[in-house]
Amino acid sequence: MTSRHPLVNRIAIVIGAIVLTAIVSMASTLAVSNSIKGNATAINQAGLLRMGAFQLIAAAASETQTNAQTISDRMDEYEELIEAPAVVQSIPRTDDHPLALQYAKVRAIWQTDLKPAIQEHVPGSALTAATLSTAQSYTSEVSQLVSMLEERTED
């Protein structure tokens, strides 16, 4: 089909190119947003793990804390946070991925070191240097997990 108005054809081509560019732009934006979906929530919840560990340690050492059940309840809530779907879903399903290894390390330190240290601690008494060291080591590993999640989101 040949138009008698070449200007109309040129305008139609330009408008078509603009529409095509807009569609490609929207598709790429959608692809990027889907690839990072949930990562912000995972980063926030992983950050809460750090804060939660300090809160548990502080509650265990608090002079006003006399109810061991409260500490136990807080630890149960904390474990739910570790297993939160937003965090778990952001971890790659392969066992050899660095992020999966770091998450496994965080969980292992919690289960084998920090949780038992808090459970064995007498509420209201001073924390031992070993418990403080374990808490610091744990929060360092959680910080590394948060950093890795942030890096993954930025890539």
C-alpha atoms as a PDB file:
ATOM      1  CA  MET A   1       0.000   0.000   0.000  1.00  0.00           C
ATOM      2  CA  THR A   2       1.487   3.260  -1.098  1.00  0.00           C
ATOM      3  CA  SER A   3       0.321   6.443   0.474  1.00  0.00           C
ATOM      4  CA  ARG A   4       0.182   9.674  -1.362  1.00  0.00           C
ATOM      5  CA  HIS A   5       1.485  11.424   1.739  1.00  0.00           C
ATOM      6  CA  PRO A   6       5.086  10.431   2.581  1.00  0.00           C
ATOM      7  CA  LEU A   7       4.974  12.665   5.676  1.00  0.00           C
ATOM      8  CA  VAL A   8       2.126  10.582   7.119  1.00  0.00           C
ATOM      9  CA  ASN A   9       4.174   7.426   6.524  1.00  0.00           C
ATOM     10  CA  ARG A  10       7.180   8.892   8.306  1.00  0.00           C
ATOM     11  CA  ILE A  11       5.087   9.987  11.280  1.00  0.00           C
ATOM     12  CA  ALA A  12       3.518   6.513  11.471  1.00  0.00           C
ATOM     13  CA  ILE A  13       6.989   4.919  11.475  1.00  0.00           C
ATOM     14  CA  VAL A  14       8.208   7.267  14.228  1.00  0.00           C
ATOM     15  CA  ILE A  15       5.119   6.607  16.365  1.00  0.00           C
ATOM     16  CA  GLY A  16       5.519   2.871  15.792  1.00  0.00           C
ATOM     17  CA  ALA A  17       9.156   3.061  16.901  1.00  0.00           C
ATOM     18  CA  ILE A  18       8.172   4.986  20.039  1.00  0.00           C
ATOM     19  CA  VAL A  19       5.471   2.446  20.895  1.00  0.00           C
ATOM     20  CA  LEU A  20       7.876  -0.441  20.307  1.00  0.00           C
ATOM     21  CA  THR A  21      10.494   1.218  22.529  1.00  0.00           C
ATOM     22  CA  ALA A  22       7.902   1.719  25.273  1.00  0.00           C
ATOM     23  CA  ILE A  23       6.835  -1.932  25.103  1.00  0.00           C
ATOM     24  CA  VAL A  24      10.443  -3.144  25.281  1.00  0.00           C
ATOM     25  CA  SER A  25      11.083  -0.806  28.213  1.00  0.00           C
ATOM     26  CA  MET A  26       8.039  -2.069  30.114  1.00  0.00           C
ATOM     27  CA  ALA A  27       8.983  -5.685  29.453  1.00  0.00           C
ATOM     28  CA  SER A  28      12.530  -5.192  30.709  1.00  0.00           C
ATOM     29  CA  THR A  29      11.265  -3.357  33.808  1.00  0.00           C
ATOM     30  CA  LEU A  30       8.882  -6.215  34.521  1.00  0.00           C
ATOM     31  CA  ALA A  31      11.680  -8.752  34.081  1.00  0.00           C
ATOM     32  CA  VAL A  32      13.951  -6.873  36.498  1.00  0.00           C
ATOM     33  CA  SER A  33      11.219  -6.418  39.089  1.00  0.00           C
ATOM     34  CA  ASN A  34      10.364 -10.120  38.926  1.00  0.00           C
ATOM     35  CA  SER A  35      14.013 -11.066  39.352  1.00  0.00           C
ATOM     36  CA  ILE A  36      14.346  -9.075  42.591  1.00  0.00           C
ATOM     37  CA  LYS A  37      10.846  -9.778  43.864  1.00  0.00           C
ATOM     38  CA  GLY A  38      10.920 -10.444  47.569  1.00  0.00           C
ATOM     39  CA  ASN A  39      14.588  -9.582  48.015  1.00  0.00           C
ATOM     40  CA  ALA A  40      13.879  -6.343  49.864  1.00  0.00           C
ATOM     41  CA  THR A  41      11.682  -8.210  52.319  1.00  0.00           C
ATOM     42  CA  ALA A  42      14.331 -10.898  52.708  1.00  0.00           C
ATOM     43  CA  ILE A  43      16.991  -8.261  53.374  1.00  0.00           C
ATOM     44  CA  ASN A  44      14.789  -6.612  56.002  1.00  0.00           C
ATOM     45  CA  GLN A  45      14.007  -9.901  57.705  1.00  0.00           C
ATOM     46  CA  ALA A  46      17.628 -10.979  57.629  1.00  0.00           C
ATOM     47  CA  GLY A  47      18.475  -7.642  59.226  1.00  0.00           C
ATOM     48  CA  LEU A  48      15.876  -8.391  61.887  1.00  0.00           C
ATOM     49  CA  LEU A  49      17.818 -11.554  62.692  1.00  0.00           C
ATOM     50  CA  ARG A  50      20.719  -9.384  63.818  1.00  0.00           C
ATOM     51  CA  MET A  51      18.532  -7.207  65.989  1.00  0.00           C
ATOM     52  CA  GLY A  52      16.620 -10.197  67.330  1.00  0.00           C
ATOM     53  CA  ALA A  53      19.808 -11.917  68.444  1.00  0.00           C
ATOM     54  CA  PHE A  54      20.851  -8.847  70.405  1.00  0.00           C
ATOM     55  CA  GLN A  55      17.382  -8.584  71.931  1.00  0.00           C
ATOM     56  CA  LEU A  56      17.511 -12.216  73.043  1.00  0.00           C
ATOM     57  CA  ILE A  57      20.922 -11.722  74.615  1.00  0.00           C
ATOM     58  CA  ALA A  58      19.770  -8.531  76.325  1.00  0.00           C
ATOM     59  CA  ALA A  59      16.622 -10.221  77.624  1.00  0.00           C
ATOM     60  CA  ALA A  60      18.632 -13.139  78.976  1.00  0.00           C
ATOM     61  CA  ALA A  61      21.002 -10.795  80.796  1.00  0.00           C
ATOM     62  CA  SER A  62      18.351  -8.393  82.037  1.00  0.00           C
ATOM     63  CA  GLU A  63      18.081  -8.150  85.783  1.00  0.00           C
ATOM     64  CA  THR A  64      14.322  -7.720  85.512  1.00  0.00           C
ATOM     65  CA  GLN A  65      13.942 -10.858  83.431  1.00  0.00           C
ATOM     66  CA  THR A  66      12.838 -13.633  85.757  1.00  0.00           C
ATOM     67  CA  ASN A  67      10.512 -15.625  83.536  1.00  0.00           C
ATOM     68  CA  ALA A  68      12.405 -18.276  81.567  1.00  0.00           C
ATOM     69  CA  GLN A  69       9.234 -18.981  79.571  1.00  0.00           C
ATOM     70  CA  THR A  70       9.380 -15.475  78.088  1.00  0.00           C
ATOM     71  CA  ILE A  71      12.884 -16.167  76.780  1.00  0.00           C
ATOM     72  CA  SER A  72      11.683 -19.486  75.394  1.00  0.00           C
ATOM     73  CA  ASP A  73       8.769 -17.770  73.647  1.00  0.00           C
ATOM     74  CA  ARG A  74      11.108 -15.172  72.180  1.00  0.00           C
ATOM     75  CA  MET A  75      13.407 -17.901  70.905  1.00  0.00           C
ATOM     76  CA  ASP A  76      10.458 -19.641  69.252  1.00  0.00           C
ATOM     77  CA  GLU A  77       9.522 -16.369  67.546  1.00  0.00           C
ATOM     78  CA  TYR A  78      13.133 -15.906  66.526  1.00  0.00           C
ATOM     79  CA  GLU A  79      13.250 -19.353  64.940  1.00  0.00           C
ATOM     80  CA  GLU A  80      10.139 -18.465  62.946  1.00  0.00           C
ATOM     81  CA  LEU A  81      12.002 -15.404  61.700  1.00  0.00           C
ATOM     82  CA  ILE A  82      14.974 -17.536  60.631  1.00  0.00           C
ATOM     83  CA  GLU A  83      12.599 -19.774  58.687  1.00  0.00           C
ATOM     84  CA  ALA A  84      10.500 -16.888  57.313  1.00  0.00           C
ATOM     85  CA  PRO A  85       9.277 -17.586  53.776  1.00  0.00           C
ATOM     86  CA  ALA A  86      10.723 -14.312  52.463  1.00  0.00           C
ATOM     87  CA  VAL A  87      14.194 -15.343  53.605  1.00  0.00           C
ATOM     88  CA  VAL A  88      13.937 -18.991  52.580  1.00  0.00           C
ATOM     89  CA  GLN A  89      12.545 -18.159  49.138  1.00  0.00           C
ATOM     90  CA  SER A  90      15.402 -15.761  48.433  1.00  0.00           C
ATOM     91  CA  ILE A  91      17.995 -18.488  49.045  1.00  0.00           C
ATOM     92  CA  PRO A  92      18.971 -20.474  45.932  1.00  0.00           C
ATOM     93  CA  ARG A  93      17.888 -24.098  46.029  1.00  0.00           C
ATOM     94  CA  THR A  94      21.359 -25.419  45.224  1.00  0.00           C
ATOM     95  CA  ASP A  95      23.483 -26.496  48.175  1.00  0.00           C
ATOM     96  CA  ASP A  96      26.730 -25.200  46.687  1.00  0.00           C
ATOM     97  CA  HIS A  97      25.601 -21.607  46.081  1.00  0.00           C
ATOM     98  CA  PRO A  98      27.475 -19.153  48.370  1.00  0.00           C
ATOM     99  CA  LEU A  99      24.207 -17.636  49.605  1.00  0.00           C
ATOM    100  CA  ALA A 100      22.792 -21.064  50.463  1.00  0.00           C
ATOM    101  CA  LEU A 101      26.027 -21.958  52.254  1.00  0.00           C
ATOM    102  CA  GLN A 102      25.924 -18.731  54.265  1.00  0.00           C
ATOM    103  CA  TYR A 103      22.290 -19.273  55.235  1.00  0.00           C
ATOM    104  CA  ALA A 104      23.116 -22.831  56.319  1.00  0.00           C
ATOM    105  CA  LYS A 105      26.013 -21.472  58.366  1.00  0.00           C
ATOM    106  CA  VAL A 106      23.749 -18.941  60.102  1.00  0.00           C
ATOM    107  CA  ARG A 107      21.209 -21.643  60.913  1.00  0.00           C
ATOM    108  CA  ALA A 108      23.917 -24.002  62.168  1.00  0.00           C
ATOM    109  CA  ILE A 109      25.465 -21.398  64.480  1.00  0.00           C
ATOM    110  CA  TRP A 110      22.020 -20.607  65.849  1.00  0.00           C
ATOM    111  CA  GLN A 111      21.134 -24.255  66.471  1.00  0.00           C
ATOM    112  CA  THR A 112      24.465 -25.466  67.825  1.00  0.00           C
ATOM    113  CA  ASP A 113      25.955 -22.421  69.548  1.00  0.00           C
ATOM    114  CA  LEU A 114      23.780 -19.409  70.288  1.00  0.00           C
ATOM    115  CA  LYS A 115      20.454 -21.064  71.077  1.00  0.00           C
ATOM    116  CA  PRO A 116      21.991 -23.527  73.572  1.00  0.00           C
ATOM    117  CA  ALA A 117      23.996 -20.700  75.162  1.00  0.00           C
ATOM    118  CA  ILE A 118      20.824 -18.667  75.705  1.00  0.00           C
ATOM    119  CA  GLN A 119      18.897 -21.702  76.968  1.00  0.00           C
ATOM    120  CA  GLU A 120      21.625 -22.556  79.477  1.00  0.00           C
ATOM    121  CA  HIS A 121      21.990 -18.991  80.689  1.00  0.00           C
ATOM    122  CA  VAL A 122      20.346 -18.152  84.006  1.00  0.00           C
ATOM    123  CA  PRO A 123      18.095 -15.125  83.350  1.00  0.00           C
ATOM    124  CA  GLY A 124      19.279 -12.045  85.165  1.00  0.00           C
ATOM    125  CA  SER A 125      22.856 -13.238  85.618  1.00  0.00           C
ATOM    126  CA  ALA A 126      25.847 -11.783  83.817  1.00  0.00           C
ATOM    127  CA  LEU A 127      26.607 -13.147  80.391  1.00  0.00           C
ATOM    128  CA  THR A 128      29.777 -15.129  79.976  1.00  0.00           C
ATOM    129  CA  ALA A 129      32.483 -14.010  77.597  1.00  0.00           C
ATOM    130  CA  ALA A 130      31.837 -17.155  75.559  1.00  0.00           C
ATOM    131  CA  THR A 131      28.147 -16.292  75.144  1.00  0.00           C
ATOM    132  CA  LEU A 132      28.994 -12.749  74.096  1.00  0.00           C
ATOM    133  CA  SER A 133      31.594 -14.050  71.662  1.00  0.00           C
ATOM    134  CA  THR A 134      29.093 -16.521  70.220  1.00  0.00           C
ATOM    135  CA  ALA A 135      26.513 -13.757  69.805  1.00  0.00           C
ATOM    136  CA  GLN A 136      29.060 -11.536  68.100  1.00  0.00           C
ATOM    137  CA  SER A 137      30.150 -14.336  65.780  1.00  0.00           C
ATOM    138  CA  TYR A 138      26.538 -15.138  64.955  1.00  0.00           C
ATOM    139  CA  THR A 139      25.606 -11.539  64.197  1.00  0.00           C
ATOM    140  CA  SER A 140      28.708 -11.205  62.007  1.00  0.00           C
ATOM    141  CA  GLU A 141      27.538 -14.182  59.965  1.00  0.00           C
ATOM    142  CA  VAL A 142      24.033 -12.714  59.744  1.00  0.00           C
ATOM    143  CA  SER A 143      25.565  -9.429  58.568  1.00  0.00           C
ATOM    144  CA  GLN A 144      27.418 -11.350  55.881  1.00  0.00           C
ATOM    145  CA  LEU A 145      24.127 -12.964  54.823  1.00  0.00           C
ATOM    146  CA  VAL A 146      22.474  -9.543  54.598  1.00  0.00           C
ATOM    147  CA  SER A 147      25.387  -8.218  52.528  1.00  0.00           C
ATOM    148  CA  MET A 148      25.161 -11.169  50.172  1.00  0.00           C
ATOM    149  CA  LEU A 149      21.415 -10.665  49.735  1.00  0.00           C
ATOM    150  CA  GLU A 150      22.003  -6.974  48.996  1.00  0.00           C
ATOM    151  CA  GLU A 151      24.711  -7.778  46.445  1.00  0.00           C
ATOM    152  CA  ARG A 152      22.465 -10.305  44.761  1.00  0.00           C
ATOM    153  CA  THR A 153      19.681  -7.743  44.516  1.00  0.00           C
ATOM    154  CA  GLU A 154      21.982  -5.108  43.050  1.00  0.00           C
ATOM    155  CA  ASP A 155      23.379  -7.433  40.368  1.00  0.00           C
END
